C-alpha atoms as a PDB file:
ATOM      1  CA  MET A   1      20.942   2.043   0.496  1.00  0.00           C
ATOM      2  CA  THR A   2      20.682   5.136   2.689  1.00  0.00           C
ATOM      3  CA  GLY A   3      19.248   5.797   6.113  1.00  0.00           C
ATOM      4  CA  GLU A   4      18.309   3.423   8.873  1.00  0.00           C
ATOM      5  CA  SER A   5      20.291   0.879  10.807  1.00  0.00           C
ATOM      6  CA  LYS A   6      19.642  -2.796   9.912  1.00  0.00           C
ATOM      7  CA  GLU A   7      17.972  -3.278  13.221  1.00  0.00           C
ATOM      8  CA  HIS A   8      15.298  -0.698  12.397  1.00  0.00           C
ATOM      9  CA  ASP A   9      15.300  -1.122   8.482  1.00  0.00           C
ATOM     10  CA  PRO A  10      11.983  -2.228   7.218  1.00  0.00           C
ATOM     11  CA  LEU A  11      13.804  -3.759   4.173  1.00  0.00           C
ATOM     12  CA  GLN A  12      15.616  -6.202   6.410  1.00  0.00           C
ATOM     13  CA  TRP A  13      12.815  -8.764   5.930  1.00  0.00           C
ATOM     14  CA  LEU A  14      13.611  -9.008   2.084  1.00  0.00           C
ATOM     15  CA  PRO A  15      15.850 -11.694   0.642  1.00  0.00           C
ATOM     16  CA  GLY A  16      19.206 -10.674  -0.765  1.00  0.00           C
ATOM     17  CA  LYS A  17      18.132 -11.142  -4.385  1.00  0.00           C
ATOM     18  CA  THR A  18      15.277  -8.641  -3.934  1.00  0.00           C
ATOM     19  CA  LEU A  19      17.565  -6.101  -2.124  1.00  0.00           C
ATOM     20  CA  ALA A  20      20.065  -6.478  -4.947  1.00  0.00           C
ATOM     21  CA  ALA A  21      17.366  -5.714  -7.515  1.00  0.00           C
ATOM     22  CA  ILE A  22      16.276  -2.645  -5.611  1.00  0.00           C
ATOM     23  CA  GLU A  23      19.854  -1.507  -5.361  1.00  0.00           C
ATOM     24  CA  LYS A  24      20.206  -1.888  -9.171  1.00  0.00           C
ATOM     25  CA  ALA A  25      17.085   0.160  -9.721  1.00  0.00           C
ATOM     26  CA  LYS A  26      18.344   2.885  -7.386  1.00  0.00           C
ATOM     27  CA  SER A  27      21.732   3.013  -9.142  1.00  0.00           C
ATOM     28  CA  ALA A  28      19.970   3.213 -12.505  1.00  0.00           C
ATOM     29  CA  LEU A  29      17.798   6.175 -11.369  1.00  0.00           C
ATOM     30  CA  GLU A  30      20.825   8.004  -9.934  1.00  0.00           C
ATOM     31  CA  ARG A  31      22.992   7.381 -12.951  1.00  0.00           C
ATOM     32  CA  VAL A  32      20.428   8.490 -15.580  1.00  0.00           C
ATOM     33  CA  LEU A  33      18.673  11.299 -13.715  1.00  0.00           C
ATOM     34  CA  GLY A  34      21.559  12.757 -11.794  1.00  0.00           C
ATOM     35  CA  ASP A  35      20.492  15.953  -9.999  1.00  0.00           C
ATOM     36  CA  GLU A  36      17.045  15.592 -11.487  1.00  0.00           C
ATOM     37  CA  LEU A  37      16.353  12.805  -9.090  1.00  0.00           C
ATOM     38  CA  GLU A  38      15.153  14.422  -5.812  1.00  0.00           C
ATOM     39  CA  SER A  39      14.237  11.309  -3.965  1.00  0.00           C
ATOM     40  CA  ALA A  40      13.632   7.628  -4.348  1.00  0.00           C
ATOM     41  CA  PHE A  41      11.825   5.593  -1.733  1.00  0.00           C
ATOM     42  CA  VAL A  42      10.299   2.036  -1.397  1.00  0.00           C
ATOM     43  CA  VAL A  43       6.638   1.732  -0.484  1.00  0.00           C
ATOM     44  CA  GLY A  44       4.100  -1.006  -0.330  1.00  0.00           C
ATOM     45  CA  SER A  45       4.122  -4.711   0.576  1.00  0.00           C
ATOM     46  CA  ALA A  46       7.935  -4.859   0.579  1.00  0.00           C
ATOM     47  CA  LEU A  47       7.890  -3.015   3.929  1.00  0.00           C
ATOM     48  CA  ASN A  48       5.564  -5.492   5.503  1.00  0.00           C
ATOM     49  CA  PRO A  49       7.127  -8.592   7.087  1.00  0.00           C
ATOM     50  CA  ALA A  50       3.598 -10.214   7.474  1.00  0.00           C
ATOM     51  CA  ARG A  51       3.249 -10.312   3.725  1.00  0.00           C
ATOM     52  CA  GLY A  52       4.270 -13.550   2.188  1.00  0.00           C
ATOM     53  CA  ASP A  53       4.553 -11.813  -1.186  1.00  0.00           C
ATOM     54  CA  ARG A  54       6.705  -8.977   0.050  1.00  0.00           C
ATOM     55  CA  ALA A  55       9.589  -9.891  -2.192  1.00  0.00           C
ATOM     56  CA  SER A  56       7.614 -10.336  -5.405  1.00  0.00           C
ATOM     57  CA  ALA A  57       7.220  -6.844  -6.597  1.00  0.00           C
ATOM     58  CA  PRO A  58       8.985  -4.201  -4.573  1.00  0.00           C
ATOM     59  CA  GLU A  59       7.744  -0.734  -5.532  1.00  0.00           C
ATOM     60  CA  ILE A  60       9.953   2.338  -5.816  1.00  0.00           C
ATOM     61  CA  ILE A  61       8.603   5.932  -6.132  1.00  0.00           C
ATOM     62  CA  ALA A  62      11.091   8.268  -7.800  1.00  0.00           C
ATOM     63  CA  ILE A  63      10.432  11.991  -7.301  1.00  0.00           C
ATOM     64  CA  VAL A  64      11.957  13.874 -10.155  1.00  0.00           C
ATOM     65  CA  ALA A  65      12.419  17.458 -11.521  1.00  0.00           C
ATOM     66  CA  PRO A  66      10.509  18.766 -14.517  1.00  0.00           C
ATOM     67  CA  GLY A  67      12.107  17.919 -17.758  1.00  0.00           C
ATOM     68  CA  PHE A  68      13.038  14.333 -17.110  1.00  0.00           C
ATOM     69  CA  LEU A  69      11.004  13.081 -20.109  1.00  0.00           C
ATOM     70  CA  ARG A  70      13.912  13.641 -22.471  1.00  0.00           C
ATOM     71  CA  LYS A  71      15.753  10.896 -20.486  1.00  0.00           C
ATOM     72  CA  MET A  72      12.916   8.323 -20.532  1.00  0.00           C
ATOM     73  CA  ARG A  73      14.448   6.109 -23.208  1.00  0.00           C
ATOM     74  CA  ALA A  74      17.812   5.965 -21.310  1.00  0.00           C
ATOM     75  CA  LEU A  75      15.997   5.424 -18.039  1.00  0.00           C
ATOM     76  CA  ALA A  76      13.858   2.520 -19.463  1.00  0.00           C
ATOM     77  CA  GLU A  77      17.036   0.869 -20.727  1.00  0.00           C
ATOM     78  CA  ALA A  78      18.915   1.288 -17.499  1.00  0.00           C
ATOM     79  CA  LEU A  79      15.968  -0.021 -15.474  1.00  0.00           C
ATOM     80  CA  SER A  80      15.352  -2.981 -17.773  1.00  0.00           C
ATOM     81  CA  GLU A  81      17.119  -5.612 -15.687  1.00  0.00           C
ATOM     82  CA  PRO A  82      15.673  -4.718 -12.244  1.00  0.00           C
ATOM     83  CA  MET A  83      12.214  -4.219 -13.636  1.00  0.00           C
ATOM     84  CA  ARG A  84      12.285  -7.530 -15.471  1.00  0.00           C
ATOM     85  CA  SER A  85      13.175  -9.137 -12.203  1.00  0.00           C
ATOM     86  CA  GLY A  86      10.003  -7.761 -10.545  1.00  0.00           C
ATOM     87  CA  VAL A  87      10.891  -4.236  -9.260  1.00  0.00           C
ATOM     88  CA  ARG A  88       8.189  -1.671  -9.960  1.00  0.00           C
ATOM     89  CA  VAL A  89       9.319   1.829 -10.552  1.00  0.00           C
ATOM     90  CA  ARG A  90       6.851   4.791 -10.619  1.00  0.00           C
ATOM     91  CA  ILE A  91       7.903   8.306 -11.721  1.00  0.00           C
ATOM     92  CA  VAL A  92       6.252  11.258  -9.911  1.00  0.00           C
ATOM     93  CA  THR A  93       7.266  14.862 -10.609  1.00  0.00           C
ATOM     94  CA  HIS A  94       8.023  17.273  -7.830  1.00  0.00           C
ATOM     95  CA  ASP A  95       5.066  19.364  -8.787  1.00  0.00           C
ATOM     96  CA  GLU A  96       2.634  16.389  -8.975  1.00  0.00           C
ATOM     97  CA  LEU A  97       3.619  15.367  -5.461  1.00  0.00           C
ATOM     98  CA  ALA A  98       3.296  18.903  -4.108  1.00  0.00           C
ATOM     99  CA  ARG A  99      -0.120  19.548  -5.694  1.00  0.00           C
ATOM    100  CA  SER A 100      -1.755  16.116  -5.212  1.00  0.00           C
ATOM    101  CA  ALA A 101      -2.013  15.700  -1.458  1.00  0.00           C
ATOM    102  CA  ASP A 102      -5.761  16.534  -1.741  1.00  0.00           C
ATOM    103  CA  VAL A 103      -6.863  14.347  -4.794  1.00  0.00           C
ATOM    104  CA  PHE A 104      -4.524  11.379  -3.896  1.00  0.00           C
ATOM    105  CA  ALA A 105      -4.749  11.808  -0.185  1.00  0.00           C
ATOM    106  CA  LEU A 106      -4.966   8.202   0.865  1.00  0.00           C
ATOM    107  CA  GLU A 107      -2.050   7.163  -1.451  1.00  0.00           C
ATOM    108  CA  ILE A 108       0.200   9.933  -0.195  1.00  0.00           C
ATOM    109  CA  ALA A 109      -0.822   9.409   3.492  1.00  0.00           C
ATOM    110  CA  GLU A 110       0.134   5.784   2.999  1.00  0.00           C
ATOM    111  CA  TRP A 111       3.454   6.720   1.451  1.00  0.00           C
ATOM    112  CA  LYS A 112       4.148   9.059   4.491  1.00  0.00           C
ATOM    113  CA  ALA A 113       3.261   6.324   7.027  1.00  0.00           C
ATOM    114  CA  ARG A 114       5.328   3.592   5.523  1.00  0.00           C
ATOM    115  CA  HIS A 115       8.257   4.304   3.299  1.00  0.00           C
ATOM    116  CA  ARG A 116      12.032   3.787   3.163  1.00  0.00           C
ATOM    117  CA  VAL A 117      14.154   6.424   1.533  1.00  0.00           C
ATOM    118  CA  ILE A 118      16.985   4.805  -0.655  1.00  0.00           C
ATOM    119  CA  SER A 119      18.184   7.879  -2.437  1.00  0.00           C
ATOM    120  CA  GLY A 120      18.103  11.608  -1.888  1.00  0.00           C
ATOM    121  CA  ARG A 121      16.082  13.346   0.787  1.00  0.00           C
ATOM    122  CA  ASP A 122      12.775  12.551   2.497  1.00  0.00           C
ATOM    123  CA  VAL A 123      10.467  14.768   0.303  1.00  0.00           C
ATOM    124  CA  LEU A 124       7.387  13.435   2.081  1.00  0.00           C
ATOM    125  CA  ALA A 125       8.298  15.149   5.408  1.00  0.00           C
ATOM    126  CA  LYS A 126       6.887  18.384   4.336  1.00  0.00           C
ATOM    127  CA  ILE A 127       3.793  17.063   2.591  1.00  0.00           C
ATOM    128  CA  ASP A 128       0.648  17.642   4.644  1.00  0.00           C
ATOM    129  CA  VAL A 129      -2.484  15.517   4.100  1.00  0.00           C
ATOM    130  CA  GLN A 130      -5.552  17.317   5.495  1.00  0.00           C
ATOM    131  CA  PRO A 131      -8.002  15.196   7.475  1.00  0.00           C
ATOM    132  CA  ALA A 132     -10.978  16.240   5.242  1.00  0.00           C
ATOM    133  CA  HIS A 133      -9.192  15.090   2.167  1.00  0.00           C
ATOM    134  CA  LEU A 134      -8.174  11.879   3.794  1.00  0.00           C
ATOM    135  CA  ARG A 135     -11.839  11.329   4.872  1.00  0.00           C
ATOM    136  CA  HIS A 136     -13.056  11.778   1.304  1.00  0.00           C
ATOM    137  CA  ALA A 137     -10.315   9.400  -0.083  1.00  0.00           C
ATOM    138  CA  LEU A 138     -10.990   6.771   2.517  1.00  0.00           C
ATOM    139  CA  GLU A 139     -14.708   6.703   1.706  1.00  0.00           C
ATOM    140  CA  LEU A 140     -13.978   6.487  -1.948  1.00  0.00           C
ATOM    141  CA  GLU A 141     -11.547   3.678  -1.332  1.00  0.00           C
ATOM    142  CA  LEU A 142     -13.868   1.688   1.027  1.00  0.00           C
ATOM    143  CA  ARG A 143     -17.008   2.159  -1.125  1.00  0.00           C
ATOM    144  CA  GLY A 144     -15.175   1.032  -4.178  1.00  0.00           C
ATOM    145  CA  LEU A 145     -13.521  -1.811  -2.349  1.00  0.00           C
ATOM    146  CA  SER A 146     -16.744  -3.232  -1.283  1.00  0.00           C
ATOM    147  CA  ARG A 147     -17.963  -3.385  -4.862  1.00  0.00           C
ATOM    148  CA  ARG A 148     -14.734  -4.726  -6.301  1.00  0.00           C
ATOM    149  CA  ILE A 149     -14.407  -7.638  -3.855  1.00  0.00           C
ATOM    150  CA  ARG A 150     -18.057  -8.612  -4.332  1.00  0.00           C
ATOM    151  CA  ASN A 151     -17.838  -8.622  -8.129  1.00  0.00           C
ATOM    152  CA  ARG A 152     -14.455 -10.289  -8.381  1.00  0.00           C
ATOM    153  CA  VAL A 153     -15.567 -13.138  -6.065  1.00  0.00           C
ATOM    154  CA  LEU A 154     -18.803 -13.491  -8.018  1.00  0.00           C
ATOM    155  CA  ALA A 155     -16.945 -13.699 -11.367  1.00  0.00           C
ATOM    156  CA  GLY A 156     -14.388 -16.203  -9.931  1.00  0.00           C
ATOM    157  CA  VAL A 157     -16.967 -18.476  -8.359  1.00  0.00           C
ATOM    158  CA  ALA A 158     -19.340 -18.309 -11.311  1.00  0.00           C
ATOM    159  CA  ALA A 159     -16.981 -18.516 -14.205  1.00  0.00           C
ATOM    160  CA  GLY A 160     -13.822 -20.106 -12.637  1.00  0.00           C
ATOM    161  CA  PRO A 161     -10.337 -18.815 -11.841  1.00  0.00           C
ATOM    162  CA  THR A 162      -9.500 -18.069 -15.498  1.00  0.00           C
ATOM    163  CA  ARG A 163     -12.061 -15.169 -15.186  1.00  0.00           C
ATOM    164  CA  ASP A 164     -10.830 -14.115 -11.776  1.00  0.00           C
ATOM    165  CA  ASP A 165      -9.286 -16.018  -8.834  1.00  0.00           C
ATOM    166  CA  PRO A 166     -11.720 -15.547  -5.937  1.00  0.00           C
ATOM    167  CA  ALA A 167      -8.980 -16.396  -3.378  1.00  0.00           C
ATOM    168  CA  ARG A 168      -6.713 -13.764  -4.907  1.00  0.00           C
ATOM    169  CA  ALA A 169      -9.672 -11.259  -4.793  1.00  0.00           C
ATOM    170  CA  VAL A 170     -10.038 -12.003  -1.118  1.00  0.00           C
ATOM    171  CA  ARG A 171      -6.287 -11.493  -0.476  1.00  0.00           C
ATOM    172  CA  ASP A 172      -6.246  -8.269  -2.485  1.00  0.00           C
ATOM    173  CA  GLY A 173      -9.330  -7.020  -0.572  1.00  0.00           C
ATOM    174  CA  LEU A 174      -7.889  -7.772   2.783  1.00  0.00           C
ATOM    175  CA  ASP A 175      -4.647  -5.969   1.883  1.00  0.00           C
ATOM    176  CA  ARG A 176      -6.568  -2.890   0.799  1.00  0.00           C
ATOM    177  CA  LEU A 177      -8.713  -3.002   3.996  1.00  0.00           C
ATOM    178  CA  LEU A 178      -5.755  -3.140   6.188  1.00  0.00           C
ATOM    179  CA  VAL A 179      -4.177  -0.128   4.543  1.00  0.00           C
ATOM    180  CA  ALA A 180      -7.463   1.833   4.905  1.00  0.00           C
ATOM    181  CA  ALA A 181      -7.761   0.621   8.470  1.00  0.00           C
ATOM    182  CA  HIS A 182      -4.555   2.255   9.418  1.00  0.00           C
ATOM    183  CA  HIS A 183      -5.705   5.615   8.196  1.00  0.00           C
ATOM    184  CA  VAL A 184      -9.240   5.222   9.457  1.00  0.00           C
ATOM    185  CA  LEU A 185      -7.573   5.024  12.947  1.00  0.00           C
ATOM    186  CA  VAL A 186      -5.338   8.006  12.183  1.00  0.00           C
ATOM    187  CA  LEU A 187      -8.480   9.961  11.164  1.00  0.00           C
ATOM    188  CA  ALA A 188     -10.040   8.969  14.491  1.00  0.00           C
ATOM    189  CA  LYS A 189      -6.892  10.140  16.275  1.00  0.00           C
ATOM    190  CA  LYS A 190      -6.256   6.624  17.578  1.00  0.00           C
ATOM    191  CA  GLN A 191      -3.127   4.609  17.710  1.00  0.00           C
ATOM    192  CA  ALA A 192      -2.757   2.515  14.580  1.00  0.00           C
ATOM    193  CA  PRO A 193      -0.875  -0.623  15.593  1.00  0.00           C
ATOM    194  CA  SER A 194       1.776  -2.088  13.142  1.00  0.00           C
ATOM    195  CA  ASP A 195       0.719  -5.639  14.109  1.00  0.00           C
ATOM    196  CA  GLU A 196      -2.098  -6.681  11.839  1.00  0.00           C
ATOM    197  CA  ALA A 197      -4.104  -8.623  14.523  1.00  0.00           C
ATOM    198  CA  LEU A 198      -3.997  -5.623  16.745  1.00  0.00           C
ATOM    199  CA  LEU A 199      -4.912  -3.353  13.781  1.00  0.00           C
ATOM    200  CA  VAL A 200      -7.912  -5.450  13.064  1.00  0.00           C
ATOM    201  CA  ASP A 201      -9.015  -5.387  16.702  1.00  0.00           C
ATOM    202  CA  ALA A 202      -8.622  -1.560  16.882  1.00  0.00           C
ATOM    203  CA  LEU A 203     -10.635  -1.126  13.721  1.00  0.00           C
ATOM    204  CA  GLY A 204     -13.424  -3.425  14.978  1.00  0.00           C
ATOM    205  CA  ALA A 205     -13.572  -1.493  18.259  1.00  0.00           C
ATOM    206  CA  LEU A 206     -13.752   1.815  16.430  1.00  0.00           C
ATOM    207  CA  VAL A 207     -16.416   1.024  13.807  1.00  0.00           C
ATOM    208  CA  GLY A 208     -18.541  -1.541  15.715  1.00  0.00           C
ATOM    209  CA  VAL A 209     -17.860  -4.763  13.935  1.00  0.00           C
ATOM    210  CA  ASP A 210     -16.797  -8.180  15.367  1.00  0.00           C
ATOM    211  CA  ALA A 211     -13.104  -8.401  14.774  1.00  0.00           C
ATOM    212  CA  ALA A 212     -12.726 -12.073  15.475  1.00  0.00           C
ATOM    213  CA  PRO A 213     -13.662 -13.468  12.014  1.00  0.00           C
ATOM    214  CA  LEU A 214     -11.506 -10.931  10.233  1.00  0.00           C
ATOM    215  CA  ARG A 215      -8.539 -11.588  12.564  1.00  0.00           C
ATOM    216  CA  ALA A 216      -8.889 -15.306  11.937  1.00  0.00           C
ATOM    217  CA  MET A 217      -9.003 -14.823   8.141  1.00  0.00           C
ATOM    218  CA  THR A 218      -6.075 -12.564   8.215  1.00  0.00           C
ATOM    219  CA  LYS A 219      -4.062 -15.094  10.149  1.00  0.00           C
ATOM    220  CA  ALA A 220      -5.016 -17.889   7.814  1.00  0.00           C
ATOM    221  CA  ILE A 221      -4.036 -15.963   4.749  1.00  0.00           C
ATOM    222  CA  ARG A 222      -0.705 -14.643   6.193  1.00  0.00           C
ATOM    223  CA  GLU A 223       0.336 -18.066   7.375  1.00  0.00           C
ATOM    224  CA  ALA A 224      -0.555 -19.659   3.947  1.00  0.00           C
ATOM    225  CA  LYS A 225      -2.892 -22.121   5.694  1.00  0.00           C
ATOM    226  CA  GLN A 226      -5.984 -23.413   3.859  1.00  0.00           C
ATOM    227  CA  PRO A 227      -7.537 -20.304   2.359  1.00  0.00           C
ATOM    228  CA  PRO A 228     -10.952 -19.442   3.621  1.00  0.00           C
ATOM    229  CA  ALA A 229     -13.922 -20.306   1.376  1.00  0.00           C
ATOM    230  CA  PRO A 230     -14.376 -17.225  -0.903  1.00  0.00           C
ATOM    231  CA  LEU A 231     -18.016 -16.732  -0.097  1.00  0.00           C
ATOM    232  CA  ASP A 232     -17.452 -16.938   3.681  1.00  0.00           C
ATOM    233  CA  ALA A 233     -14.444 -14.584   3.274  1.00  0.00           C
ATOM    234  CA  LEU A 234     -16.502 -12.170   1.309  1.00  0.00           C
ATOM    235  CA  GLU A 235     -19.087 -11.946   4.095  1.00  0.00           C
ATOM    236  CA  THR A 236     -16.329 -11.362   6.624  1.00  0.00           C
ATOM    237  CA  LEU A 237     -14.659  -8.642   4.553  1.00  0.00           C
ATOM    238  CA  SER A 238     -17.866  -6.919   3.562  1.00  0.00           C
ATOM    239  CA  ALA A 239     -18.986  -6.583   7.108  1.00  0.00           C
ATOM    240  CA  ALA A 240     -15.826  -4.765   8.110  1.00  0.00           C
ATOM    241  CA  VAL A 241     -15.487  -2.700   4.890  1.00  0.00           C
ATOM    242  CA  ASP A 242     -19.140  -1.495   5.110  1.00  0.00           C
ATOM    243  CA  LYS A 243     -18.893  -0.612   8.726  1.00  0.00           C
ATOM    244  CA  ALA A 244     -15.633   1.274   8.221  1.00  0.00           C
ATOM    245  CA  ALA A 245     -17.219   3.137   5.216  1.00  0.00           C
ATOM    246  CA  ALA A 246     -20.217   4.132   7.386  1.00  0.00           C
ATOM    247  CA  TRP A 247     -17.926   5.403  10.139  1.00  0.00           C
ATOM    248  CA  VAL A 248     -15.884   7.414   7.711  1.00  0.00           C
ATOM    249  CA  ASP A 249     -19.049   8.796   6.074  1.00  0.00           C
ATOM    250  CA  ALA A 250     -20.273  10.085   9.435  1.00  0.00           C
ATOM    251  CA  TRP A 251     -16.866  11.573  10.475  1.00  0.00           C
ATOM    252  CA  GLU A 252     -16.810  15.336  10.957  1.00  0.00           C
ATOM    253  CA  ALA A 253     -13.717  17.439  11.326  1.00  0.00           C
ATOM    254  CA  SER A 254     -14.704  18.470  14.870  1.00  0.00           C
ATOM    255  CA  SER A 255     -14.903  14.762  16.024  1.00  0.00           C
END
């Protein structure tokens, strides 16, 4: 691995088995792609010590030069072992990254905010996400999230977990809301705390929703206690998501 000291390394919370799988994926990318690999970095839940599932599917973004497709078969073979063990590898070309900060504004803003370079240079440092693009992406995310949670919980409660697990739908919805919350606060030019309880409080204060129920639900899910009843959790999540979406919808660049 490259970069940070262990004390400040966001990967320090991962078990050795997961770190070894990430290292194997990194080595495979470097060996097969060579100079065509510009950068590889870890994103997502693997960097969040509050996530109980942080070791289950670490995600690596590989930024590559054009022409890499001729090496896809060799790359797939080299990545077979780490990817079978749970590592996710996503290939993004240099041009795709450079030209997609508008249409994938939230995803790239999240990568910029939380990533750990494991190979090459930090290609995200010079990528600029414009506030207007972030606003649009946040509203799209929040409006879609409200519908997804509602319909997944409905399907799970009505037809049973073989159709959709309502508890999983709630956890997924919470995770997406917390990602969005960070960037809503950034859009508002407010401090976005890394602690999830403080993040929930800051979001509640900004958008005008009672943060206490969401904070309690987050704590219960993260500590693997008795999961909240899906319909109660849906009400809690929906209140926060809808208020956040309304705030983002009303945001103006001059604000």
